[in-house]
Amino acid sequence: MSGEHEAQSEAPSIDPETLRAYLLDELPPGTLARVEKALRDSAELRAQLEDVRQNRTEVGLHSLGAIWRRSRLTCPSRQQLGSLLLDALDPELAAYLQFHIEVVECPFCQANLADLKGKAEPTSTLARTRQHRILQSSKHLLGDDGRG
């Protein structure tokens, strides 16, 4: 009976703000466990949770637009961003990607593009250095006039 009394005494300490955080999965693990136990033990708290669920102001989190943004459905693939850097895209797609990166200022795509640029620059420098070394090492084979 004391366990039942404890569950009833815990239920009132869980306020609507805590229940909102519970619904948004924003509670720390210890509080989450306490709320879940209290919900199992208290029909009154479950009813309060349902009231909070029905009267939430953050329902926009599950709107089509919010889901679209969270899933980044308009973002290009990393391969497309790489093709943009190589200027190897259809002009219409390239124009859209430029718009997405420069006007919309998508932080995910800007970061991806910056990463790709960072990886491309050292590689091209390395390739030029390697090419130069190969040419220098085989210059003697070409002869004096450079044609062999």
Protein backbone atom coordinates (compact mmCIF):
# COMPACT_ATOMS: atom_id res chain seq x y z
CA MET A 1 0.00 0.00 0.00
CA SER A 2 2.92 2.35 0.66
CA GLY A 3 4.05 1.91 -3.01
CA GLU A 4 0.57 2.98 -4.16
CA HIS A 5 0.72 6.01 -1.83
CA GLU A 6 4.17 6.97 -3.21
CA ALA A 7 2.93 6.83 -6.81
CA GLN A 8 0.00 9.08 -5.91
CA SER A 9 2.28 11.54 -4.15
CA GLU A 10 4.64 11.63 -7.18
CA ALA A 11 1.86 12.30 -9.69
CA PRO A 12 1.02 15.84 -8.48
CA SER A 13 4.71 16.83 -8.63
CA ILE A 14 4.67 16.26 -12.39
CA ASP A 15 3.43 19.51 -13.88
CA PRO A 16 2.08 20.13 -17.40
CA GLU A 17 5.42 21.59 -18.50
CA THR A 18 7.14 18.32 -17.57
CA LEU A 19 4.49 16.40 -19.49
CA ARG A 20 5.06 18.63 -22.56
CA ALA A 21 8.79 17.92 -22.32
CA TYR A 22 7.95 14.21 -21.99
CA LEU A 23 5.92 14.33 -25.22
CA LEU A 24 8.77 16.09 -27.01
CA ASP A 25 11.29 13.56 -25.66
CA GLU A 26 13.30 16.33 -23.99
CA LEU A 27 13.58 14.95 -20.46
CA PRO A 28 16.82 13.74 -18.92
CA PRO A 29 16.89 9.96 -18.36
CA GLY A 30 16.19 10.10 -14.60
CA THR A 31 13.18 12.37 -14.96
CA LEU A 32 11.96 10.36 -17.94
CA ALA A 33 11.99 7.16 -15.88
CA ARG A 34 10.17 8.88 -13.01
CA VAL A 35 7.47 10.25 -15.31
CA GLU A 36 6.97 6.91 -17.06
CA LYS A 37 6.62 5.11 -13.74
CA ALA A 38 4.16 7.71 -12.49
CA LEU A 39 2.16 7.42 -15.71
CA ARG A 40 1.94 3.66 -15.31
CA ASP A 41 0.76 4.05 -11.73
CA SER A 42 -1.69 6.94 -12.07
CA ALA A 43 -4.80 7.09 -14.24
CA GLU A 44 -5.20 10.73 -13.20
CA LEU A 45 -1.74 11.58 -14.55
CA ARG A 46 -2.46 9.70 -17.79
CA ALA A 47 -5.61 11.81 -18.20
CA GLN A 48 -3.54 14.95 -17.55
CA LEU A 49 -1.04 13.78 -20.17
CA GLU A 50 -3.85 13.35 -22.69
CA ASP A 51 -5.08 16.90 -21.93
CA VAL A 52 -1.56 18.23 -22.50
CA ARG A 53 -1.31 16.20 -25.72
CA GLN A 54 -4.61 17.63 -27.03
CA ASN A 55 -3.77 21.23 -26.09
CA ARG A 56 -0.16 21.40 -27.25
CA THR A 57 0.99 24.55 -28.97
CA GLU A 58 3.91 22.84 -30.70
CA VAL A 59 1.71 20.81 -33.06
CA GLY A 60 3.52 22.62 -35.87
CA LEU A 61 6.43 20.29 -35.18
CA HIS A 62 4.50 17.64 -37.05
CA SER A 63 3.27 19.78 -39.92
CA LEU A 64 4.16 18.87 -43.48
CA GLY A 65 6.53 21.84 -43.67
CA ALA A 66 8.30 20.92 -40.43
CA ILE A 67 8.73 17.31 -41.50
CA TRP A 68 9.97 18.50 -44.92
CA ARG A 69 12.59 20.74 -43.27
CA ARG A 70 13.68 18.13 -40.70
CA SER A 71 14.12 15.48 -43.39
CA ARG A 72 15.90 18.01 -45.64
CA LEU A 73 13.88 16.85 -48.63
CA THR A 74 14.99 19.80 -50.78
CA CYS A 75 18.67 19.30 -50.04
CA PRO A 76 20.84 17.88 -52.81
CA SER A 77 22.93 14.78 -52.28
CA ARG A 78 26.62 15.07 -51.53
CA GLN A 79 27.31 13.66 -54.99
CA GLN A 80 25.25 16.47 -56.56
CA LEU A 81 27.18 19.05 -54.54
CA GLY A 82 30.43 17.52 -55.77
CA SER A 83 29.16 17.69 -59.34
CA LEU A 84 28.31 21.35 -58.76
CA LEU A 85 31.93 21.98 -57.78
CA LEU A 86 33.09 20.24 -60.95
CA ASP A 87 30.59 22.24 -63.03
CA ALA A 88 29.16 18.94 -64.27
CA LEU A 89 25.44 19.53 -63.69
CA ASP A 90 22.53 20.37 -65.91
CA PRO A 91 22.27 24.20 -65.85
CA GLU A 92 18.77 24.13 -64.31
CA LEU A 93 19.86 21.86 -61.48
CA ALA A 94 23.00 23.91 -60.96
CA ALA A 95 20.88 27.08 -60.75
CA TYR A 96 18.60 25.44 -58.17
CA LEU A 97 21.57 24.31 -56.08
CA GLN A 98 23.08 27.80 -56.18
CA PHE A 99 19.72 29.21 -55.06
CA HIS A 100 19.45 26.62 -52.28
CA ILE A 101 22.96 27.37 -51.01
CA GLU A 102 23.18 31.13 -51.53
CA VAL A 103 19.60 32.42 -51.15
CA VAL A 104 17.98 29.85 -48.86
CA GLU A 105 21.35 29.58 -47.08
CA CYS A 106 20.79 25.97 -46.07
CA PRO A 107 23.36 25.40 -43.31
CA PHE A 108 23.60 21.66 -44.00
CA CYS A 109 24.38 22.11 -47.68
CA GLN A 110 26.74 25.01 -47.01
CA ALA A 111 28.67 22.81 -44.58
CA ASN A 112 28.69 19.88 -47.01
CA LEU A 113 29.91 22.11 -49.82
CA ALA A 114 32.63 23.63 -47.64
CA ASP A 115 33.76 20.14 -46.67
CA LEU A 116 33.87 19.03 -50.30
CA LYS A 117 35.82 22.16 -51.27
CA GLY A 118 38.28 21.50 -48.45
CA LYS A 119 38.82 17.95 -49.61
CA ALA A 120 39.11 18.90 -53.27
CA GLU A 121 41.76 21.60 -52.86
CA PRO A 122 44.47 19.51 -51.18
CA THR A 123 43.83 16.68 -53.64
CA SER A 124 44.26 18.92 -56.66
CA THR A 125 47.42 20.43 -55.16
CA LEU A 126 48.72 16.95 -54.42
CA ALA A 127 47.89 15.83 -57.96
CA ARG A 128 49.72 18.81 -59.45
CA THR A 129 52.76 18.14 -57.25
CA ARG A 130 52.77 14.48 -58.23
CA GLN A 131 52.42 15.36 -61.90
CA HIS A 132 55.29 17.84 -61.63
CA ARG A 133 57.54 15.23 -59.95
CA ILE A 134 56.77 12.68 -62.67
CA LEU A 135 57.51 15.18 -65.42
CA GLN A 136 60.76 16.23 -63.73
CA SER A 137 61.86 12.64 -63.21
CA SER A 138 61.23 11.69 -66.83
CA LYS A 139 62.39 14.92 -68.47
CA HIS A 140 65.69 13.33 -69.41
CA LEU A 141 63.83 10.68 -71.42
CA LEU A 142 62.24 13.33 -73.63
CA GLY A 143 65.55 14.52 -75.04
CA ASP A 144 66.79 18.03 -75.67
CA ASP A 145 63.95 19.18 -77.88
CA GLY A 146 61.30 17.81 -75.47
CA ARG A 147 59.88 15.34 -78.02
CA GLY A 148 62.09 12.33 -77.39
